[in-house]
Amino acid sequence: MRKYELVMIFRPELAETEVRSEVSQVEKALVERGADIGQIDFWGKRRLAYEIKHLTEGYYAVVSFSGAVSAVDDLDRALSLSDNVLRHKFIRPE
């Protein structure tokens, strides 16, 4: 199992409770795929460094976990299709 960090940026028009619900769904999906969740950091609404889809703000969340590559591939596809996620990125910290 490899260590990963998942950084997600959610749409700014969502309520904070909706964003936290989305993060818990991601956490649940990871656990179902055999991942061990480490730490979840919710940064709240922040200004984006550059415009994404004509938006200048977004809710940031970071999830640290250990899991298999297949779990990352499955979740990557699901997050790409989600309308509530502006951007996401998987990082392998050293």
PDB file of N, CA and C in Angstrom:
ATOM      1  N   MET A   1       0.837  -1.182   0.000  1.00  0.00           N
ATOM      2  CA  MET A   1       0.000   0.000   0.000  1.00  0.00           C
ATOM      3  C   MET A   1       0.881   1.243   0.000  1.00  0.00           C
ATOM      4  N   ARG A   2       0.506   2.173  -0.828  1.00  0.00           N
ATOM      5  CA  ARG A   2       1.251   3.422  -0.963  1.00  0.00           C
ATOM      6  C   ARG A   2       0.532   4.548  -0.235  1.00  0.00           C
ATOM      7  N   LYS A   3       1.300   5.559   0.150  1.00  0.00           N
ATOM      8  CA  LYS A   3       0.714   6.733   0.794  1.00  0.00           C
ATOM      9  C   LYS A   3       0.376   7.770  -0.270  1.00  0.00           C
ATOM     10  N   TYR A   4      -0.788   8.391  -0.110  1.00  0.00           N
ATOM     11  CA  TYR A   4      -1.261   9.408  -1.038  1.00  0.00           C
ATOM     12  C   TYR A   4      -1.862  10.570  -0.270  1.00  0.00           C
ATOM     13  N   GLU A   5      -1.911  11.710  -0.941  1.00  0.00           N
ATOM     14  CA  GLU A   5      -2.704  12.847  -0.498  1.00  0.00           C
ATOM     15  C   GLU A   5      -3.605  13.230  -1.665  1.00  0.00           C
ATOM     16  N   LEU A   6      -4.866  13.436  -1.369  1.00  0.00           N
ATOM     17  CA  LEU A   6      -5.838  13.839  -2.368  1.00  0.00           C
ATOM     18  C   LEU A   6      -6.275  15.259  -2.067  1.00  0.00           C
ATOM     19  N   VAL A   7      -6.022  16.169  -2.994  1.00  0.00           N
ATOM     20  CA  VAL A   7      -6.435  17.559  -2.854  1.00  0.00           C
ATOM     21  C   VAL A   7      -7.634  17.770  -3.762  1.00  0.00           C
ATOM     22  N   MET A   8      -8.713  18.296  -3.195  1.00  0.00           N
ATOM     23  CA  MET A   8      -9.939  18.520  -3.960  1.00  0.00           C
ATOM     24  C   MET A   8     -10.383  19.970  -3.802  1.00  0.00           C
ATOM     25  N   ILE A   9     -10.886  20.543  -4.888  1.00  0.00           N
ATOM     26  CA  ILE A   9     -11.466  21.885  -4.862  1.00  0.00           C
ATOM     27  C   ILE A   9     -12.916  21.748  -5.313  1.00  0.00           C
ATOM     28  N   PHE A  10     -13.828  22.175  -4.446  1.00  0.00           N
ATOM     29  CA  PHE A  10     -15.265  22.070  -4.712  1.00  0.00           C
ATOM     30  C   PHE A  10     -15.836  23.421  -5.129  1.00  0.00           C
ATOM     31  N   ARG A  11     -16.972  23.396  -5.779  1.00  0.00           N
ATOM     32  CA  ARG A  11     -17.645  24.598  -6.270  1.00  0.00           C
ATOM     33  C   ARG A  11     -17.984  25.546  -5.105  1.00  0.00           C
ATOM     34  N   PRO A  12     -17.823  26.865  -5.278  1.00  0.00           N
ATOM     35  CA  PRO A  12     -18.049  27.814  -4.185  1.00  0.00           C
ATOM     36  C   PRO A  12     -19.513  28.031  -3.839  1.00  0.00           C
ATOM     37  N   GLU A  13     -20.434  27.725  -4.744  1.00  0.00           N
ATOM     38  CA  GLU A  13     -21.849  27.968  -4.442  1.00  0.00           C
ATOM     39  C   GLU A  13     -22.456  26.888  -3.546  1.00  0.00           C
ATOM     40  N   LEU A  14     -21.720  25.811  -3.286  1.00  0.00           N
ATOM     41  CA  LEU A  14     -22.205  24.787  -2.363  1.00  0.00           C
ATOM     42  C   LEU A  14     -22.153  25.311  -0.932  1.00  0.00           C
ATOM     43  N   ALA A  15     -23.025  24.789  -0.082  1.00  0.00           N
ATOM     44  CA  ALA A  15     -22.957  25.114   1.347  1.00  0.00           C
ATOM     45  C   ALA A  15     -21.826  24.292   1.967  1.00  0.00           C
ATOM     46  N   GLU A  16     -21.276  24.801   3.053  1.00  0.00           N
ATOM     47  CA  GLU A  16     -20.164  24.101   3.697  1.00  0.00           C
ATOM     48  C   GLU A  16     -20.566  22.695   4.133  1.00  0.00           C
ATOM     49  N   THR A  17     -21.808  22.518   4.579  1.00  0.00           N
ATOM     50  CA  THR A  17     -22.259  21.184   4.990  1.00  0.00           C
ATOM     51  C   THR A  17     -22.310  20.224   3.811  1.00  0.00           C
ATOM     52  N   GLU A  18     -22.675  20.741   2.631  1.00  0.00           N
ATOM     53  CA  GLU A  18     -22.690  19.898   1.436  1.00  0.00           C
ATOM     54  C   GLU A  18     -21.283  19.461   1.056  1.00  0.00           C
ATOM     55  N   VAL A  19     -20.327  20.372   1.193  1.00  0.00           N
ATOM     56  CA  VAL A  19     -18.942  20.047   0.866  1.00  0.00           C
ATOM     57  C   VAL A  19     -18.411  19.002   1.840  1.00  0.00           C
ATOM     58  N   ARG A  20     -18.701  19.177   3.119  1.00  0.00           N
ATOM     59  CA  ARG A  20     -18.256  18.181   4.106  1.00  0.00           C
ATOM     60  C   ARG A  20     -18.899  16.818   3.840  1.00  0.00           C
ATOM     61  N   SER A  21     -20.127  16.816   3.376  1.00  0.00           N
ATOM     62  CA  SER A  21     -20.806  15.575   2.998  1.00  0.00           C
ATOM     63  C   SER A  21     -20.103  14.912   1.814  1.00  0.00           C
ATOM     64  N   GLU A  22     -19.711  15.709   0.831  1.00  0.00           N
ATOM     65  CA  GLU A  22     -18.977  15.179  -0.324  1.00  0.00           C
ATOM     66  C   GLU A  22     -17.647  14.567   0.106  1.00  0.00           C
ATOM     67  N   VAL A  23     -16.950  15.240   1.026  1.00  0.00           N
ATOM     68  CA  VAL A  23     -15.668  14.720   1.515  1.00  0.00           C
ATOM     69  C   VAL A  23     -15.880  13.406   2.256  1.00  0.00           C
ATOM     70  N   SER A  24     -16.943  13.303   3.040  1.00  0.00           N
ATOM     71  CA  SER A  24     -17.212  12.047   3.747  1.00  0.00           C
ATOM     72  C   SER A  24     -17.573  10.931   2.770  1.00  0.00           C
ATOM     73  N   GLN A  25     -18.219  11.263   1.643  1.00  0.00           N
ATOM     74  CA  GLN A  25     -18.506  10.257   0.616  1.00  0.00           C
ATOM     75  C   GLN A  25     -17.214   9.765  -0.031  1.00  0.00           C
ATOM     76  N   VAL A  26     -16.267  10.658  -0.252  1.00  0.00           N
ATOM     77  CA  VAL A  26     -14.963  10.269  -0.789  1.00  0.00           C
ATOM     78  C   VAL A  26     -14.250   9.362   0.207  1.00  0.00           C
ATOM     79  N   GLU A  27     -14.317   9.733   1.486  1.00  0.00           N
ATOM     80  CA  GLU A  27     -13.702   8.914   2.532  1.00  0.00           C
ATOM     81  C   GLU A  27     -14.326   7.521   2.554  1.00  0.00           C
ATOM     82  N   LYS A  28     -15.636   7.449   2.453  1.00  0.00           N
ATOM     83  CA  LYS A  28     -16.341   6.168   2.451  1.00  0.00           C
ATOM     84  C   LYS A  28     -15.935   5.328   1.239  1.00  0.00           C
ATOM     85  N   ALA A  29     -15.820   5.962   0.070  1.00  0.00           N
ATOM     86  CA  ALA A  29     -15.412   5.258  -1.145  1.00  0.00           C
ATOM     87  C   ALA A  29     -13.999   4.689  -1.010  1.00  0.00           C
ATOM     88  N   LEU A  30     -13.115   5.444  -0.362  1.00  0.00           N
ATOM     89  CA  LEU A  30     -11.750   4.955  -0.154  1.00  0.00           C
ATOM     90  C   LEU A  30     -11.730   3.758   0.777  1.00  0.00           C
ATOM     91  N   VAL A  31     -12.491   3.826   1.862  1.00  0.00           N
ATOM     92  CA  VAL A  31     -12.541   2.728   2.828  1.00  0.00           C
ATOM     93  C   VAL A  31     -13.115   1.471   2.169  1.00  0.00           C
ATOM     94  N   GLU A  32     -14.131   1.639   1.313  1.00  0.00           N
ATOM     95  CA  GLU A  32     -14.710   0.494   0.603  1.00  0.00           C
ATOM     96  C   GLU A  32     -13.696  -0.173  -0.313  1.00  0.00           C
ATOM     97  N   ARG A  33     -12.723   0.583  -0.788  1.00  0.00           N
ATOM     98  CA  ARG A  33     -11.706   0.036  -1.676  1.00  0.00           C
ATOM     99  C   ARG A  33     -10.452  -0.409  -0.917  1.00  0.00           C
ATOM    100  N   GLY A  34     -10.550  -0.472   0.397  1.00  0.00           N
ATOM    101  CA  GLY A  34      -9.467  -1.015   1.217  1.00  0.00           C
ATOM    102  C   GLY A  34      -8.405  -0.026   1.645  1.00  0.00           C
ATOM    103  N   ALA A  35      -8.664   1.252   1.528  1.00  0.00           N
ATOM    104  CA  ALA A  35      -7.685   2.267   1.921  1.00  0.00           C
ATOM    105  C   ALA A  35      -7.788   2.566   3.414  1.00  0.00           C
ATOM    106  N   ASP A  36      -6.666   2.979   3.998  1.00  0.00           N
ATOM    107  CA  ASP A  36      -6.616   3.418   5.394  1.00  0.00           C
ATOM    108  C   ASP A  36      -6.536   4.932   5.405  1.00  0.00           C
ATOM    109  N   ILE A  37      -7.543   5.575   5.973  1.00  0.00           N
ATOM    110  CA  ILE A  37      -7.603   7.035   6.007  1.00  0.00           C
ATOM    111  C   ILE A  37      -6.698   7.548   7.119  1.00  0.00           C
ATOM    112  N   GLY A  38      -5.869   8.521   6.791  1.00  0.00           N
ATOM    113  CA  GLY A  38      -4.987   9.134   7.773  1.00  0.00           C
ATOM    114  C   GLY A  38      -5.618  10.377   8.365  1.00  0.00           C
ATOM    115  N   GLN A  39      -5.473  11.482   7.681  1.00  0.00           N
ATOM    116  CA  GLN A  39      -5.942  12.767   8.186  1.00  0.00           C
ATOM    117  C   GLN A  39      -6.785  13.453   7.118  1.00  0.00           C
ATOM    118  N   ILE A  40      -7.813  14.149   7.557  1.00  0.00           N
ATOM    119  CA  ILE A  40      -8.648  14.927   6.649  1.00  0.00           C
ATOM    120  C   ILE A  40      -8.580  16.380   7.081  1.00  0.00           C
ATOM    121  N   ASP A  41      -8.102  17.240   6.175  1.00  0.00           N
ATOM    122  CA  ASP A  41      -8.008  18.674   6.436  1.00  0.00           C
ATOM    123  C   ASP A  41      -9.025  19.397   5.565  1.00  0.00           C
ATOM    124  N   PHE A  42      -9.902  20.151   6.205  1.00  0.00           N
ATOM    125  CA  PHE A  42     -10.867  20.970   5.472  1.00  0.00           C
ATOM    126  C   PHE A  42     -10.411  22.407   5.598  1.00  0.00           C
ATOM    127  N   TRP A  43     -10.002  22.998   4.489  1.00  0.00           N
ATOM    128  CA  TRP A  43      -9.451  24.343   4.515  1.00  0.00           C
ATOM    129  C   TRP A  43     -10.513  25.416   4.391  1.00  0.00           C
ATOM    130  N   GLY A  44     -11.703  25.064   3.953  1.00  0.00           N
ATOM    131  CA  GLY A  44     -12.763  26.042   3.785  1.00  0.00           C
ATOM    132  C   GLY A  44     -12.680  26.746   2.436  1.00  0.00           C
ATOM    133  N   LYS A  45     -13.390  27.855   2.328  1.00  0.00           N
ATOM    134  CA  LYS A  45     -13.443  28.589   1.054  1.00  0.00           C
ATOM    135  C   LYS A  45     -12.209  29.470   0.933  1.00  0.00           C
ATOM    136  N   ARG A  46     -11.518  29.308  -0.198  1.00  0.00           N
ATOM    137  CA  ARG A  46     -10.307  30.083  -0.470  1.00  0.00           C
ATOM    138  C   ARG A  46     -10.359  30.651  -1.881  1.00  0.00           C
ATOM    139  N   ARG A  47      -9.581  31.665  -2.091  1.00  0.00           N
ATOM    140  CA  ARG A  47      -9.453  32.262  -3.423  1.00  0.00           C
ATOM    141  C   ARG A  47      -8.542  31.363  -4.260  1.00  0.00           C
ATOM    142  N   LEU A  48      -8.918  31.126  -5.511  1.00  0.00           N
ATOM    143  CA  LEU A  48      -8.113  30.312  -6.414  1.00  0.00           C
ATOM    144  C   LEU A  48      -6.950  31.121  -6.966  1.00  0.00           C
ATOM    145  N   ALA A  49      -5.871  30.447  -7.286  1.00  0.00           N
ATOM    146  CA  ALA A  49      -4.713  31.126  -7.863  1.00  0.00           C
ATOM    147  C   ALA A  49      -5.020  31.635  -9.269  1.00  0.00           C
ATOM    148  N   TYR A  50      -5.903  30.943  -9.974  1.00  0.00           N
ATOM    149  CA  TYR A  50      -6.336  31.355 -11.302  1.00  0.00           C
ATOM    150  C   TYR A  50      -7.775  30.884 -11.504  1.00  0.00           C
ATOM    151  N   GLU A  51      -8.462  31.469 -12.446  1.00  0.00           N
ATOM    152  CA  GLU A  51      -9.860  31.125 -12.694  1.00  0.00           C
ATOM    153  C   GLU A  51      -9.986  29.699 -13.215  1.00  0.00           C
ATOM    154  N   ILE A  52     -10.975  28.991 -12.698  1.00  0.00           N
ATOM    155  CA  ILE A  52     -11.326  27.662 -13.193  1.00  0.00           C
ATOM    156  C   ILE A  52     -12.811  27.716 -13.533  1.00  0.00           C
ATOM    157  N   LYS A  53     -13.144  27.509 -14.784  1.00  0.00           N
ATOM    158  CA  LYS A  53     -14.530  27.559 -15.246  1.00  0.00           C
ATOM    159  C   LYS A  53     -15.212  28.870 -14.840  1.00  0.00           C
ATOM    160  N   HIS A  54     -14.494  29.968 -14.964  1.00  0.00           N
ATOM    161  CA  HIS A  54     -14.973  31.323 -14.660  1.00  0.00           C
ATOM    162  C   HIS A  54     -15.286  31.516 -13.168  1.00  0.00           C
ATOM    163  N   LEU A  55     -14.697  30.716 -12.303  1.00  0.00           N
ATOM    164  CA  LEU A  55     -14.875  30.853 -10.854  1.00  0.00           C
ATOM    165  C   LEU A  55     -13.553  31.284 -10.230  1.00  0.00           C
ATOM    166  N   THR A  56     -13.633  32.111  -9.178  1.00  0.00           N
ATOM    167  CA  THR A  56     -12.416  32.608  -8.536  1.00  0.00           C
ATOM    168  C   THR A  56     -12.249  32.089  -7.112  1.00  0.00           C
ATOM    169  N   GLU A  57     -13.230  31.345  -6.596  1.00  0.00           N
ATOM    170  CA  GLU A  57     -13.148  30.783  -5.246  1.00  0.00           C
ATOM    171  C   GLU A  57     -13.544  29.320  -5.287  1.00  0.00           C
ATOM    172  N   GLY A  58     -13.196  28.606  -4.213  1.00  0.00           N
ATOM    173  CA  GLY A  58     -13.586  27.212  -4.094  1.00  0.00           C
ATOM    174  C   GLY A  58     -13.300  26.702  -2.698  1.00  0.00           C
ATOM    175  N   TYR A  59     -13.959  25.610  -2.327  1.00  0.00           N
ATOM    176  CA  TYR A  59     -13.717  24.952  -1.046  1.00  0.00           C
ATOM    177  C   TYR A  59     -12.610  23.921  -1.232  1.00  0.00           C
ATOM    178  N   TYR A  60     -11.593  24.011  -0.382  1.00  0.00           N
ATOM    179  CA  TYR A  60     -10.465  23.087  -0.455  1.00  0.00           C
ATOM    180  C   TYR A  60     -10.581  22.020   0.623  1.00  0.00           C
ATOM    181  N   ALA A  61     -10.205  20.791   0.272  1.00  0.00           N
ATOM    182  CA  ALA A  61     -10.131  19.689   1.230  1.00  0.00           C
ATOM    183  C   ALA A  61      -8.963  18.789   0.846  1.00  0.00           C
ATOM    184  N   VAL A  62      -8.237  18.289   1.854  1.00  0.00           N
ATOM    185  CA  VAL A  62      -7.098  17.398   1.629  1.00  0.00           C
ATOM    186  C   VAL A  62      -7.314  16.139   2.454  1.00  0.00           C
ATOM    187  N   VAL A  63      -7.196  14.973   1.797  1.00  0.00           N
ATOM    188  CA  VAL A  63      -7.365  13.681   2.464  1.00  0.00           C
ATOM    189  C   VAL A  63      -6.058  12.912   2.317  1.00  0.00           C
ATOM    190  N   SER A  64      -5.461  12.515   3.439  1.00  0.00           N
ATOM    191  CA  SER A  64      -4.263  11.674   3.442  1.00  0.00           C
ATOM    192  C   SER A  64      -4.698  10.237   3.678  1.00  0.00           C
ATOM    193  N   PHE A  65      -4.178   9.317   2.863  1.00  0.00           N
ATOM    194  CA  PHE A  65      -4.571   7.914   3.008  1.00  0.00           C
ATOM    195  C   PHE A  65      -3.491   6.995   2.450  1.00  0.00           C
ATOM    196  N   SER A  66      -3.586   5.728   2.806  1.00  0.00           N
ATOM    197  CA  SER A  66      -2.743   4.671   2.254  1.00  0.00           C
ATOM    198  C   SER A  66      -3.654   3.700   1.536  1.00  0.00           C
ATOM    199  N   GLY A  67      -3.288   3.350   0.316  1.00  0.00           N
ATOM    200  CA  GLY A  67      -4.168   2.463  -0.436  1.00  0.00           C
ATOM    201  C   GLY A  67      -3.492   1.901  -1.661  1.00  0.00           C
ATOM    202  N   ALA A  68      -4.229   1.059  -2.362  1.00  0.00           N
ATOM    203  CA  ALA A  68      -3.736   0.431  -3.575  1.00  0.00           C
ATOM    204  C   ALA A  68      -3.929   1.368  -4.766  1.00  0.00           C
ATOM    205  N   VAL A  69      -3.191   1.103  -5.820  1.00  0.00           N
ATOM    206  CA  VAL A  69      -3.283   1.920  -7.030  1.00  0.00           C
ATOM    207  C   VAL A  69      -4.679   1.815  -7.645  1.00  0.00           C
ATOM    208  N   SER A  70      -5.299   0.659  -7.545  1.00  0.00           N
ATOM    209  CA  SER A  70      -6.635   0.478  -8.119  1.00  0.00           C
ATOM    210  C   SER A  70      -7.663   1.385  -7.449  1.00  0.00           C
ATOM    211  N   ALA A  71      -7.511   1.611  -6.144  1.00  0.00           N
ATOM    212  CA  ALA A  71      -8.423   2.512  -5.434  1.00  0.00           C
ATOM    213  C   ALA A  71      -8.283   3.936  -5.955  1.00  0.00           C
ATOM    214  N   VAL A  72      -7.061   4.338  -6.239  1.00  0.00           N
ATOM    215  CA  VAL A  72      -6.809   5.679  -6.759  1.00  0.00           C
ATOM    216  C   VAL A  72      -7.405   5.824  -8.159  1.00  0.00           C
ATOM    217  N   ASP A  73      -7.235   4.807  -8.992  1.00  0.00           N
ATOM    218  CA  ASP A  73      -7.775   4.864 -10.356  1.00  0.00           C
ATOM    219  C   ASP A  73      -9.292   4.977 -10.357  1.00  0.00           C
ATOM    220  N   ASP A  74      -9.955   4.177  -9.511  1.00  0.00           N
ATOM    221  CA  ASP A  74     -11.417   4.214  -9.441  1.00  0.00           C
ATOM    222  C   ASP A  74     -11.912   5.576  -8.972  1.00  0.00           C
ATOM    223  N   LEU A  75     -11.288   6.090  -7.924  1.00  0.00           N
ATOM    224  CA  LEU A  75     -11.713   7.365  -7.364  1.00  0.00           C
ATOM    225  C   LEU A  75     -11.400   8.527  -8.314  1.00  0.00           C
ATOM    226  N   ASP A  76     -10.295   8.436  -9.023  1.00  0.00           N
ATOM    227  CA  ASP A  76      -9.928   9.460  -9.990  1.00  0.00           C
ATOM    228  C   ASP A  76     -11.013   9.603 -11.050  1.00  0.00           C
ATOM    229  N   ARG A  77     -11.513   8.511 -11.531  1.00  0.00           N
ATOM    230  CA  ARG A  77     -12.577   8.541 -12.544  1.00  0.00           C
ATOM    231  C   ARG A  77     -13.862   9.143 -11.965  1.00  0.00           C
ATOM    232  N   ALA A  78     -14.223   8.733 -10.753  1.00  0.00           N
ATOM    233  CA  ALA A  78     -15.446   9.230 -10.129  1.00  0.00           C
ATOM    234  C   ALA A  78     -15.368  10.742  -9.887  1.00  0.00           C
ATOM    235  N   LEU A  79     -14.226  11.223  -9.419  1.00  0.00           N
ATOM    236  CA  LEU A  79     -14.071  12.659  -9.158  1.00  0.00           C
ATOM    237  C   LEU A  79     -14.058  13.467 -10.455  1.00  0.00           C
ATOM    238  N   SER A  80     -13.538  12.881 -11.527  1.00  0.00           N
ATOM    239  CA  SER A  80     -13.531  13.566 -12.822  1.00  0.00           C
ATOM    240  C   SER A  80     -14.942  13.786 -13.345  1.00  0.00           C
ATOM    241  N   LEU A  81     -15.848  12.875 -13.019  1.00  0.00           N
ATOM    242  CA  LEU A  81     -17.224  12.964 -13.507  1.00  0.00           C
ATOM    243  C   LEU A  81     -18.132  13.804 -12.612  1.00  0.00           C
ATOM    244  N   SER A  82     -17.688  14.102 -11.398  1.00  0.00           N
ATOM    245  CA  SER A  82     -18.511  14.841 -10.453  1.00  0.00           C
ATOM    246  C   SER A  82     -18.641  16.312 -10.865  1.00  0.00           C
ATOM    247  N   ASP A  83     -19.854  16.832 -10.824  1.00  0.00           N
ATOM    248  CA  ASP A  83     -20.093  18.236 -11.156  1.00  0.00           C
ATOM    249  C   ASP A  83     -19.670  19.176 -10.029  1.00  0.00           C
ATOM    250  N   ASN A  84     -19.610  18.673  -8.801  1.00  0.00           N
ATOM    251  CA  ASN A  84     -19.283  19.514  -7.651  1.00  0.00           C
ATOM    252  C   ASN A  84     -17.788  19.724  -7.468  1.00  0.00           C
ATOM    253  N   VAL A  85     -16.961  18.924  -8.120  1.00  0.00           N
ATOM    254  CA  VAL A  85     -15.508  19.018  -7.968  1.00  0.00           C
ATOM    255  C   VAL A  85     -14.943  19.813  -9.145  1.00  0.00           C
ATOM    256  N   LEU A  86     -14.301  20.951  -8.828  1.00  0.00           N
ATOM    257  CA  LEU A  86     -13.662  21.749  -9.878  1.00  0.00           C
ATOM    258  C   LEU A  86     -12.355  21.102 -10.324  1.00  0.00           C
ATOM    259  N   ARG A  87     -11.518  20.732  -9.368  1.00  0.00           N
ATOM    260  CA  ARG A  87     -10.228  20.092  -9.640  1.00  0.00           C
ATOM    261  C   ARG A  87      -9.918  19.110  -8.517  1.00  0.00           C
ATOM    262  N   HIS A  88      -9.132  18.101  -8.853  1.00  0.00           N
ATOM    263  CA  HIS A  88      -8.611  17.185  -7.849  1.00  0.00           C
ATOM    264  C   HIS A  88      -7.244  16.703  -8.296  1.00  0.00           C
ATOM    265  N   LYS A  89      -6.422  16.320  -7.340  1.00  0.00           N
ATOM    266  CA  LYS A  89      -5.070  15.868  -7.670  1.00  0.00           C
ATOM    267  C   LYS A  89      -4.618  14.885  -6.600  1.00  0.00           C
ATOM    268  N   PHE A  90      -4.068  13.759  -7.048  1.00  0.00           N
ATOM    269  CA  PHE A  90      -3.476  12.780  -6.155  1.00  0.00           C
ATOM    270  C   PHE A  90      -1.975  13.049  -6.096  1.00  0.00           C
ATOM    271  N   ILE A  91      -1.442  13.095  -4.888  1.00  0.00           N
ATOM    272  CA  ILE A  91      -0.021  13.380  -4.675  1.00  0.00           C
ATOM    273  C   ILE A  91       0.574  12.245  -3.875  1.00  0.00           C
ATOM    274  N   ARG A  92       1.778  11.818  -4.234  1.00  0.00           N
ATOM    275  CA  ARG A  92       2.491  10.817  -3.448  1.00  0.00           C
ATOM    276  C   ARG A  92       3.585  11.527  -2.656  1.00  0.00           C
ATOM    277  N   PRO A  93       3.331  11.808  -1.370  1.00  0.00           N
ATOM    278  CA  PRO A  93       4.357  12.498  -0.565  1.00  0.00           C
ATOM    279  C   PRO A  93       5.546  11.594  -0.299  1.00  0.00           C
ATOM    280  N   GLU A  94       6.686  12.191  -0.154  1.00  0.00           N
ATOM    281  CA  GLU A  94       7.893  11.404   0.079  1.00  0.00           C
ATOM    282  C   GLU A  94       8.198  11.283   1.547  1.00  0.00           C
TER     283      GLU A  94
END
